[in-house]
Amino acid sequence: MLTLSYQRRALRFNFPARTSRGALTEHVAYYLELRDLRQSDQVGWGEAAPLAGLSPDYGPGFEAQVQQLCHLVNKQRYAFREDIEPANLVSSALPALR
């Protein structure tokens, strides 16, 4: 059975990172871990990290969307990673998570 969890990390830059919409001093990233409980050495990692002011899915509700995705995957009790279809689990309005 596969389980999905995440870790939230606030990355602080040593200098302001310039974008077309200003400068960033911090960037929040969510690292997703997909683990096969039957084979502890089978782990997959992903990242969802929308950019403030640039990504359409950036906002205060993004972490709740990450939590919801983890809940959906864990509730389905998928046996194989090939069974997981991101397009069916995550809205196209959330490209950083899809």
PDB file of N, CA and C in Angstrom:
ATOM      1  N   MET A   1       0.840  -1.178   0.000  1.00  0.00           N
ATOM      2  CA  MET A   1       0.000   0.000   0.000  1.00  0.00           C
ATOM      3  C   MET A   1       0.888   1.245   0.000  1.00  0.00           C
ATOM      4  N   LEU A   2       0.458   2.243  -0.750  1.00  0.00           N
ATOM      5  CA  LEU A   2       1.211   3.488  -0.840  1.00  0.00           C
ATOM      6  C   LEU A   2       0.652   4.538   0.112  1.00  0.00           C
ATOM      7  N   THR A   3       1.544   5.323   0.684  1.00  0.00           N
ATOM      8  CA  THR A   3       1.129   6.449   1.524  1.00  0.00           C
ATOM      9  C   THR A   3       1.814   7.709   1.011  1.00  0.00           C
ATOM     10  N   LEU A   4       1.095   8.812   1.126  1.00  0.00           N
ATOM     11  CA  LEU A   4       1.631  10.098   0.698  1.00  0.00           C
ATOM     12  C   LEU A   4       1.655  11.038   1.887  1.00  0.00           C
ATOM     13  N   SER A   5       2.797  11.653   2.118  1.00  0.00           N
ATOM     14  CA  SER A   5       2.931  12.643   3.191  1.00  0.00           C
ATOM     15  C   SER A   5       3.728  13.822   2.633  1.00  0.00           C
ATOM     16  N   TYR A   6       3.792  14.886   3.413  1.00  0.00           N
ATOM     17  CA  TYR A   6       4.531  16.059   2.946  1.00  0.00           C
ATOM     18  C   TYR A   6       5.243  16.744   4.095  1.00  0.00           C
ATOM     19  N   GLN A   7       6.237  17.525   3.721  1.00  0.00           N
ATOM     20  CA  GLN A   7       6.963  18.379   4.665  1.00  0.00           C
ATOM     21  C   GLN A   7       6.970  19.789   4.089  1.00  0.00           C
ATOM     22  N   ARG A   8       6.621  20.756   4.911  1.00  0.00           N
ATOM     23  CA  ARG A   8       6.633  22.162   4.496  1.00  0.00           C
ATOM     24  C   ARG A   8       7.970  22.770   4.899  1.00  0.00           C
ATOM     25  N   ARG A   9       8.601  23.456   3.962  1.00  0.00           N
ATOM     26  CA  ARG A   9       9.877  24.102   4.244  1.00  0.00           C
ATOM     27  C   ARG A   9       9.838  25.540   3.739  1.00  0.00           C
ATOM     28  N   ALA A  10      10.217  26.457   4.600  1.00  0.00           N
ATOM     29  CA  ALA A  10      10.367  27.858   4.201  1.00  0.00           C
ATOM     30  C   ALA A  10      11.841  28.073   3.873  1.00  0.00           C
ATOM     31  N   LEU A  11      12.118  28.341   2.626  1.00  0.00           N
ATOM     32  CA  LEU A  11      13.494  28.527   2.166  1.00  0.00           C
ATOM     33  C   LEU A  11      13.799  30.018   2.155  1.00  0.00           C
ATOM     34  N   ARG A  12      14.793  30.407   2.910  1.00  0.00           N
ATOM     35  CA  ARG A  12      15.176  31.821   2.983  1.00  0.00           C
ATOM     36  C   ARG A  12      16.408  32.049   2.109  1.00  0.00           C
ATOM     37  N   PHE A  13      16.294  33.012   1.230  1.00  0.00           N
ATOM     38  CA  PHE A  13      17.383  33.300   0.303  1.00  0.00           C
ATOM     39  C   PHE A  13      18.442  34.170   0.964  1.00  0.00           C
ATOM     40  N   ASN A  14      19.689  33.982   0.574  1.00  0.00           N
ATOM     41  CA  ASN A  14      20.788  34.809   1.074  1.00  0.00           C
ATOM     42  C   ASN A  14      20.724  36.222   0.507  1.00  0.00           C
ATOM     43  N   PHE A  15      20.063  36.361  -0.610  1.00  0.00           N
ATOM     44  CA  PHE A  15      19.878  37.673  -1.239  1.00  0.00           C
ATOM     45  C   PHE A  15      18.520  37.644  -1.947  1.00  0.00           C
ATOM     46  N   PRO A  16      17.895  38.791  -2.154  1.00  0.00           N
ATOM     47  CA  PRO A  16      16.583  38.820  -2.808  1.00  0.00           C
ATOM     48  C   PRO A  16      16.634  38.211  -4.215  1.00  0.00           C
ATOM     49  N   ALA A  17      15.732  37.289  -4.481  1.00  0.00           N
ATOM     50  CA  ALA A  17      15.627  36.674  -5.806  1.00  0.00           C
ATOM     51  C   ALA A  17      14.659  37.517  -6.633  1.00  0.00           C
ATOM     52  N   ARG A  18      15.156  38.075  -7.715  1.00  0.00           N
ATOM     53  CA  ARG A  18      14.341  38.987  -8.518  1.00  0.00           C
ATOM     54  C   ARG A  18      13.439  38.207  -9.468  1.00  0.00           C
ATOM     55  N   THR A  19      12.191  38.639  -9.543  1.00  0.00           N
ATOM     56  CA  THR A  19      11.234  38.078 -10.493  1.00  0.00           C
ATOM     57  C   THR A  19      10.633  39.236 -11.285  1.00  0.00           C
ATOM     58  N   SER A  20       9.784  38.912 -12.229  1.00  0.00           N
ATOM     59  CA  SER A  20       9.130  39.957 -13.022  1.00  0.00           C
ATOM     60  C   SER A  20       8.144  40.769 -12.189  1.00  0.00           C
ATOM     61  N   ARG A  21       7.828  40.269 -10.995  1.00  0.00           N
ATOM     62  CA  ARG A  21       6.862  40.962 -10.138  1.00  0.00           C
ATOM     63  C   ARG A  21       7.458  41.407  -8.809  1.00  0.00           C
ATOM     64  N   GLY A  22       8.753  41.560  -8.777  1.00  0.00           N
ATOM     65  CA  GLY A  22       9.393  42.011  -7.547  1.00  0.00           C
ATOM     66  C   GLY A  22      10.470  41.046  -7.095  1.00  0.00           C
ATOM     67  N   ALA A  23      10.864  41.177  -5.841  1.00  0.00           N
ATOM     68  CA  ALA A  23      11.933  40.341  -5.288  1.00  0.00           C
ATOM     69  C   ALA A  23      11.378  39.462  -4.174  1.00  0.00           C
ATOM     70  N   LEU A  24      11.894  38.246  -4.103  1.00  0.00           N
ATOM     71  CA  LEU A  24      11.503  37.301  -3.059  1.00  0.00           C
ATOM     72  C   LEU A  24      12.660  37.111  -2.094  1.00  0.00           C
ATOM     73  N   THR A  25      12.361  37.084  -0.813  1.00  0.00           N
ATOM     74  CA  THR A  25      13.380  36.782   0.193  1.00  0.00           C
ATOM     75  C   THR A  25      13.146  35.405   0.798  1.00  0.00           C
ATOM     76  N   GLU A  26      11.972  34.843   0.538  1.00  0.00           N
ATOM     77  CA  GLU A  26      11.610  33.526   1.070  1.00  0.00           C
ATOM     78  C   GLU A  26      10.729  32.813   0.053  1.00  0.00           C
ATOM     79  N   HIS A  27      10.838  31.504   0.035  1.00  0.00           N
ATOM     80  CA  HIS A  27      10.028  30.685  -0.861  1.00  0.00           C
ATOM     81  C   HIS A  27       9.595  29.447  -0.085  1.00  0.00           C
ATOM     82  N   VAL A  28       8.305  29.167  -0.074  1.00  0.00           N
ATOM     83  CA  VAL A  28       7.795  27.997   0.642  1.00  0.00           C
ATOM     84  C   VAL A  28       7.655  26.840  -0.342  1.00  0.00           C
ATOM     85  N   ALA A  29       8.229  25.707   0.027  1.00  0.00           N
ATOM     86  CA  ALA A  29       8.160  24.501  -0.794  1.00  0.00           C
ATOM     87  C   ALA A  29       7.555  23.374   0.032  1.00  0.00           C
ATOM     88  N   TYR A  30       6.809  22.523  -0.641  1.00  0.00           N
ATOM     89  CA  TYR A  30       6.218  21.344  -0.010  1.00  0.00           C
ATOM     90  C   TYR A  30       6.843  20.123  -0.669  1.00  0.00           C
ATOM     91  N   TYR A  31       7.534  19.319   0.122  1.00  0.00           N
ATOM     92  CA  TYR A  31       8.171  18.113  -0.385  1.00  0.00           C
ATOM     93  C   TYR A  31       7.254  16.943  -0.090  1.00  0.00           C
ATOM     94  N   LEU A  32       6.845  16.255  -1.149  1.00  0.00           N
ATOM     95  CA  LEU A  32       5.910  15.142  -1.033  1.00  0.00           C
ATOM     96  C   LEU A  32       6.671  13.827  -1.084  1.00  0.00           C
ATOM     97  N   GLU A  33       6.314  12.937  -0.179  1.00  0.00           N
ATOM     98  CA  GLU A  33       6.960  11.625  -0.098  1.00  0.00           C
ATOM     99  C   GLU A  33       5.912  10.547  -0.334  1.00  0.00           C
ATOM    100  N   LEU A  34       6.121   9.752  -1.376  1.00  0.00           N
ATOM    101  CA  LEU A  34       5.259   8.614  -1.676  1.00  0.00           C
ATOM    102  C   LEU A  34       6.024   7.360  -1.288  1.00  0.00           C
ATOM    103  N   ARG A  35       5.482   6.639  -0.333  1.00  0.00           N
ATOM    104  CA  ARG A  35       6.193   5.485   0.223  1.00  0.00           C
ATOM    105  C   ARG A  35       5.350   4.225   0.052  1.00  0.00           C
ATOM    106  N   ASP A  36       6.014   3.135  -0.297  1.00  0.00           N
ATOM    107  CA  ASP A  36       5.366   1.830  -0.391  1.00  0.00           C
ATOM    108  C   ASP A  36       5.586   1.115   0.935  1.00  0.00           C
ATOM    109  N   LEU A  37       4.520   0.915   1.687  1.00  0.00           N
ATOM    110  CA  LEU A  37       4.647   0.301   3.010  1.00  0.00           C
ATOM    111  C   LEU A  37       5.072  -1.162   2.937  1.00  0.00           C
ATOM    112  N   ARG A  38       4.876  -1.795   1.787  1.00  0.00           N
ATOM    113  CA  ARG A  38       5.282  -3.202   1.640  1.00  0.00           C
ATOM    114  C   ARG A  38       6.769  -3.332   1.362  1.00  0.00           C
ATOM    115  N   GLN A  39       7.353  -2.281   0.805  1.00  0.00           N
ATOM    116  CA  GLN A  39       8.776  -2.286   0.470  1.00  0.00           C
ATOM    117  C   GLN A  39       9.366  -0.976   0.966  1.00  0.00           C
ATOM    118  N   SER A  40       9.934  -1.007   2.140  1.00  0.00           N
ATOM    119  CA  SER A  40      10.391   0.231   2.782  1.00  0.00           C
ATOM    120  C   SER A  40      11.479   0.955   1.992  1.00  0.00           C
ATOM    121  N   ASP A  41      12.155   0.257   1.090  1.00  0.00           N
ATOM    122  CA  ASP A  41      13.195   0.913   0.302  1.00  0.00           C
ATOM    123  C   ASP A  41      12.627   1.604  -0.940  1.00  0.00           C
ATOM    124  N   GLN A  42      11.327   1.492  -1.155  1.00  0.00           N
ATOM    125  CA  GLN A  42      10.669   2.124  -2.296  1.00  0.00           C
ATOM    126  C   GLN A  42      10.064   3.460  -1.872  1.00  0.00           C
ATOM    127  N   VAL A  43      10.734   4.556  -2.227  1.00  0.00           N
ATOM    128  CA  VAL A  43      10.289   5.901  -1.859  1.00  0.00           C
ATOM    129  C   VAL A  43      10.407   6.806  -3.079  1.00  0.00           C
ATOM    130  N   GLY A  44       9.390   7.624  -3.277  1.00  0.00           N
ATOM    131  CA  GLY A  44       9.437   8.619  -4.345  1.00  0.00           C
ATOM    132  C   GLY A  44       9.249  10.005  -3.749  1.00  0.00           C
ATOM    133  N   TRP A  45       9.964  10.982  -4.288  1.00  0.00           N
ATOM    134  CA  TRP A  45       9.882  12.356  -3.791  1.00  0.00           C
ATOM    135  C   TRP A  45       9.402  13.277  -4.900  1.00  0.00           C
ATOM    136  N   GLY A  46       8.635  14.275  -4.501  1.00  0.00           N
ATOM    137  CA  GLY A  46       8.186  15.305  -5.427  1.00  0.00           C
ATOM    138  C   GLY A  46       8.175  16.643  -4.712  1.00  0.00           C
ATOM    139  N   GLU A  47       7.990  17.698  -5.469  1.00  0.00           N
ATOM    140  CA  GLU A  47       7.988  19.038  -4.891  1.00  0.00           C
ATOM    141  C   GLU A  47       6.825  19.828  -5.473  1.00  0.00           C
ATOM    142  N   ALA A  48       6.138  20.544  -4.614  1.00  0.00           N
ATOM    143  CA  ALA A  48       5.109  21.498  -5.030  1.00  0.00           C
ATOM    144  C   ALA A  48       5.509  22.830  -4.413  1.00  0.00           C
ATOM    145  N   ALA A  49       5.829  23.799  -5.250  1.00  0.00           N
ATOM    146  CA  ALA A  49       6.381  25.050  -4.725  1.00  0.00           C
ATOM    147  C   ALA A  49       5.944  26.239  -5.576  1.00  0.00           C
ATOM    148  N   PRO A  50       4.682  26.649  -5.446  1.00  0.00           N
ATOM    149  CA  PRO A  50       4.233  27.806  -6.224  1.00  0.00           C
ATOM    150  C   PRO A  50       4.950  29.083  -5.784  1.00  0.00           C
ATOM    151  N   LEU A  51       5.232  29.938  -6.735  1.00  0.00           N
ATOM    152  CA  LEU A  51       5.944  31.187  -6.447  1.00  0.00           C
ATOM    153  C   LEU A  51       4.967  32.322  -6.152  1.00  0.00           C
ATOM    154  N   ALA A  52       5.245  33.042  -5.087  1.00  0.00           N
ATOM    155  CA  ALA A  52       4.411  34.181  -4.691  1.00  0.00           C
ATOM    156  C   ALA A  52       4.333  35.199  -5.824  1.00  0.00           C
ATOM    157  N   GLY A  53       3.113  35.564  -6.180  1.00  0.00           N
ATOM    158  CA  GLY A  53       2.912  36.570  -7.205  1.00  0.00           C
ATOM    159  C   GLY A  53       3.073  36.087  -8.629  1.00  0.00           C
ATOM    160  N   LEU A  54       3.523  34.849  -8.824  1.00  0.00           N
ATOM    161  CA  LEU A  54       3.748  34.324 -10.170  1.00  0.00           C
ATOM    162  C   LEU A  54       2.893  33.101 -10.482  1.00  0.00           C
ATOM    163  N   SER A  55       2.737  32.213  -9.526  1.00  0.00           N
ATOM    164  CA  SER A  55       1.995  30.977  -9.752  1.00  0.00           C
ATOM    165  C   SER A  55       0.508  31.193  -9.499  1.00  0.00           C
ATOM    166  N   PRO A  56      -0.346  30.691 -10.387  1.00  0.00           N
ATOM    167  CA  PRO A  56      -1.784  30.894 -10.209  1.00  0.00           C
ATOM    168  C   PRO A  56      -2.351  30.212  -8.969  1.00  0.00           C
ATOM    169  N   ASP A  57      -1.680  29.192  -8.475  1.00  0.00           N
ATOM    170  CA  ASP A  57      -2.189  28.468  -7.308  1.00  0.00           C
ATOM    171  C   ASP A  57      -1.550  28.917  -5.998  1.00  0.00           C
ATOM    172  N   TYR A  58      -0.715  29.956  -6.059  1.00  0.00           N
ATOM    173  CA  TYR A  58      -0.111  30.463  -4.828  1.00  0.00           C
ATOM    174  C   TYR A  58      -1.177  31.147  -3.975  1.00  0.00           C
ATOM    175  N   GLY A  59      -1.127  30.891  -2.669  1.00  0.00           N
ATOM    176  CA  GLY A  59      -2.060  31.559  -1.762  1.00  0.00           C
ATOM    177  C   GLY A  59      -2.139  30.844  -0.431  1.00  0.00           C
ATOM    178  N   PRO A  60      -2.878  31.420   0.508  1.00  0.00           N
ATOM    179  CA  PRO A  60      -2.939  30.857   1.858  1.00  0.00           C
ATOM    180  C   PRO A  60      -3.608  29.485   1.926  1.00  0.00           C
ATOM    181  N   GLY A  61      -4.405  29.112   0.929  1.00  0.00           N
ATOM    182  CA  GLY A  61      -5.083  27.820   0.968  1.00  0.00           C
ATOM    183  C   GLY A  61      -4.307  26.693   0.319  1.00  0.00           C
ATOM    184  N   PHE A  62      -3.092  26.977  -0.153  1.00  0.00           N
ATOM    185  CA  PHE A  62      -2.352  25.943  -0.883  1.00  0.00           C
ATOM    186  C   PHE A  62      -1.990  24.755  -0.002  1.00  0.00           C
ATOM    187  N   GLU A  63      -1.557  25.012   1.226  1.00  0.00           N
ATOM    188  CA  GLU A  63      -1.184  23.892   2.100  1.00  0.00           C
ATOM    189  C   GLU A  63      -2.381  22.985   2.360  1.00  0.00           C
ATOM    190  N   ALA A  64      -3.568  23.551   2.481  1.00  0.00           N
ATOM    191  CA  ALA A  64      -4.776  22.736   2.666  1.00  0.00           C
ATOM    192  C   ALA A  64      -5.006  21.836   1.453  1.00  0.00           C
ATOM    193  N   GLN A  65      -4.664  22.316   0.259  1.00  0.00           N
ATOM    194  CA  GLN A  65      -4.786  21.496  -0.944  1.00  0.00           C
ATOM    195  C   GLN A  65      -3.779  20.342  -0.926  1.00  0.00           C
ATOM    196  N   VAL A  66      -2.583  20.604  -0.424  1.00  0.00           N
ATOM    197  CA  VAL A  66      -1.570  19.550  -0.293  1.00  0.00           C
ATOM    198  C   VAL A  66      -2.062  18.498   0.704  1.00  0.00           C
ATOM    199  N   GLN A  67      -2.605  18.951   1.823  1.00  0.00           N
ATOM    200  CA  GLN A  67      -3.152  18.033   2.827  1.00  0.00           C
ATOM    201  C   GLN A  67      -4.277  17.194   2.238  1.00  0.00           C
ATOM    202  N   GLN A  68      -5.144  17.822   1.456  1.00  0.00           N
ATOM    203  CA  GLN A  68      -6.264  17.107   0.855  1.00  0.00           C
ATOM    204  C   GLN A  68      -5.769  16.034  -0.113  1.00  0.00           C
ATOM    205  N   LEU A  69      -4.749  16.354  -0.903  1.00  0.00           N
ATOM    206  CA  LEU A  69      -4.190  15.364  -1.820  1.00  0.00           C
ATOM    207  C   LEU A  69      -3.645  14.170  -1.049  1.00  0.00           C
ATOM    208  N   CYS A  70      -2.906  14.424   0.022  1.00  0.00           N
ATOM    209  CA  CYS A  70      -2.371  13.329   0.844  1.00  0.00           C
ATOM    210  C   CYS A  70      -3.509  12.478   1.390  1.00  0.00           C
ATOM    211  N   HIS A  71      -4.550  13.128   1.865  1.00  0.00           N
ATOM    212  CA  HIS A  71      -5.706  12.408   2.411  1.00  0.00           C
ATOM    213  C   HIS A  71      -6.358  11.533   1.333  1.00  0.00           C
ATOM    214  N   LEU A  72      -6.547  12.083   0.141  1.00  0.00           N
ATOM    215  CA  LEU A  72      -7.177  11.318  -0.941  1.00  0.00           C
ATOM    216  C   LEU A  72      -6.353  10.097  -1.326  1.00  0.00           C
ATOM    217  N   VAL A  73      -5.049  10.285  -1.477  1.00  0.00           N
ATOM    218  CA  VAL A  73      -4.181   9.163  -1.857  1.00  0.00           C
ATOM    219  C   VAL A  73      -4.185   8.101  -0.765  1.00  0.00           C
ATOM    220  N   ASN A  74      -4.082   8.519   0.486  1.00  0.00           N
ATOM    221  CA  ASN A  74      -4.033   7.555   1.585  1.00  0.00           C
ATOM    222  C   ASN A  74      -5.369   6.840   1.763  1.00  0.00           C
ATOM    223  N   LYS A  75      -6.454   7.533   1.518  1.00  0.00           N
ATOM    224  CA  LYS A  75      -7.792   6.939   1.646  1.00  0.00           C
ATOM    225  C   LYS A  75      -8.031   5.877   0.571  1.00  0.00           C
ATOM    226  N   GLN A  76      -7.496   6.102  -0.626  1.00  0.00           N
ATOM    227  CA  GLN A  76      -7.697   5.166  -1.739  1.00  0.00           C
ATOM    228  C   GLN A  76      -6.919   3.864  -1.569  1.00  0.00           C
ATOM    229  N   ARG A  77      -5.878   3.883  -0.753  1.00  0.00           N
ATOM    230  CA  ARG A  77      -5.065   2.680  -0.505  1.00  0.00           C
ATOM    231  C   ARG A  77      -4.534   2.070  -1.812  1.00  0.00           C
ATOM    232  N   TYR A  78      -3.882   2.900  -2.592  1.00  0.00           N
ATOM    233  CA  TYR A  78      -3.323   2.445  -3.862  1.00  0.00           C
ATOM    234  C   TYR A  78      -2.259   1.382  -3.627  1.00  0.00           C
ATOM    235  N   ALA A  79      -2.219   0.410  -4.525  1.00  0.00           N
ATOM    236  CA  ALA A  79      -1.220  -0.648  -4.424  1.00  0.00           C
ATOM    237  C   ALA A  79       0.046  -0.305  -5.213  1.00  0.00           C
ATOM    238  N   PHE A  80      -0.113   0.391  -6.325  1.00  0.00           N
ATOM    239  CA  PHE A  80       1.015   0.693  -7.197  1.00  0.00           C
ATOM    240  C   PHE A  80       0.980   2.158  -7.604  1.00  0.00           C
ATOM    241  N   ARG A  81       2.153   2.763  -7.762  1.00  0.00           N
ATOM    242  CA  ARG A  81       2.180   4.183  -8.117  1.00  0.00           C
ATOM    243  C   ARG A  81       1.557   4.431  -9.487  1.00  0.00           C
ATOM    244  N   GLU A  82       1.592   3.434 -10.365  1.00  0.00           N
ATOM    245  CA  GLU A  82       0.980   3.580 -11.684  1.00  0.00           C
ATOM    246  C   GLU A  82      -0.540   3.735 -11.591  1.00  0.00           C
ATOM    247  N   ASP A  83      -1.122   3.309 -10.470  1.00  0.00           N
ATOM    248  CA  ASP A  83      -2.570   3.432 -10.275  1.00  0.00           C
ATOM    249  C   ASP A  83      -2.994   4.862  -9.970  1.00  0.00           C
ATOM    250  N   ILE A  84      -2.061   5.687  -9.539  1.00  0.00           N
ATOM    251  CA  ILE A  84      -2.381   7.061  -9.155  1.00  0.00           C
ATOM    252  C   ILE A  84      -2.407   7.932 -10.410  1.00  0.00           C
ATOM    253  N   GLU A  85      -3.531   8.561 -10.651  1.00  0.00           N
ATOM    254  CA  GLU A  85      -3.691   9.441 -11.809  1.00  0.00           C
ATOM    255  C   GLU A  85      -3.862  10.876 -11.317  1.00  0.00           C
ATOM    256  N   PRO A  86      -2.773  11.672 -11.311  1.00  0.00           N
ATOM    257  CA  PRO A  86      -2.844  13.033 -10.766  1.00  0.00           C
ATOM    258  C   PRO A  86      -3.973  13.873 -11.357  1.00  0.00           C
ATOM    259  N   ALA A  87      -4.252  13.709 -12.631  1.00  0.00           N
ATOM    260  CA  ALA A  87      -5.301  14.511 -13.272  1.00  0.00           C
ATOM    261  C   ALA A  87      -6.669  14.255 -12.649  1.00  0.00           C
ATOM    262  N   ASN A  88      -6.860  13.082 -12.067  1.00  0.00           N
ATOM    263  CA  ASN A  88      -8.132  12.760 -11.425  1.00  0.00           C
ATOM    264  C   ASN A  88      -8.175  13.214  -9.973  1.00  0.00           C
ATOM    265  N   LEU A  89      -7.043  13.546  -9.392  1.00  0.00           N
ATOM    266  CA  LEU A  89      -6.975  13.902  -7.974  1.00  0.00           C
ATOM    267  C   LEU A  89      -6.797  15.395  -7.735  1.00  0.00           C
ATOM    268  N   VAL A  90      -6.189  16.088  -8.686  1.00  0.00           N
ATOM    269  CA  VAL A  90      -5.834  17.497  -8.488  1.00  0.00           C
ATOM    270  C   VAL A  90      -6.387  18.333  -9.639  1.00  0.00           C
ATOM    271  N   SER A  91      -7.027  19.412  -9.303  1.00  0.00           N
ATOM    272  CA  SER A  91      -7.600  20.324 -10.294  1.00  0.00           C
ATOM    273  C   SER A  91      -6.508  20.936 -11.171  1.00  0.00           C
ATOM    274  N   SER A  92      -6.853  21.210 -12.416  1.00  0.00           N
ATOM    275  CA  SER A  92      -5.904  21.870 -13.318  1.00  0.00           C
ATOM    276  C   SER A  92      -5.612  23.304 -12.870  1.00  0.00           C
ATOM    277  N   ALA A  93      -6.408  23.818 -11.924  1.00  0.00           N
ATOM    278  CA  ALA A  93      -6.164  25.154 -11.368  1.00  0.00           C
ATOM    279  C   ALA A  93      -5.006  25.153 -10.377  1.00  0.00           C
ATOM    280  N   LEU A  94      -4.445  23.965 -10.109  1.00  0.00           N
ATOM    281  CA  LEU A  94      -3.327  23.829  -9.167  1.00  0.00           C
ATOM    282  C   LEU A  94      -2.115  23.216  -9.875  1.00  0.00           C
ATOM    283  N   PRO A  95      -1.535  23.913 -10.850  1.00  0.00           N
ATOM    284  CA  PRO A  95      -0.440  23.316 -11.617  1.00  0.00           C
ATOM    285  C   PRO A  95       0.791  22.957 -10.792  1.00  0.00           C
ATOM    286  N   ALA A  96       1.076  23.670  -9.729  1.00  0.00           N
ATOM    287  CA  ALA A  96       2.255  23.354  -8.914  1.00  0.00           C
ATOM    288  C   ALA A  96       2.083  22.034  -8.176  1.00  0.00           C
ATOM    289  N   LEU A  97       0.845  21.634  -7.944  1.00  0.00           N
ATOM    290  CA  LEU A  97       0.577  20.390  -7.212  1.00  0.00           C
ATOM    291  C   LEU A  97       0.316  19.236  -8.159  1.00  0.00           C
ATOM    292  N   ARG A  98      -0.079  19.543  -9.346  1.00  0.00           N
ATOM    293  CA  ARG A  98      -0.428  18.518 -10.320  1.00  0.00           C
ATOM    294  C   ARG A  98       0.817  17.855 -10.863  1.00  0.00           C
TER     295      ARG A  98
END
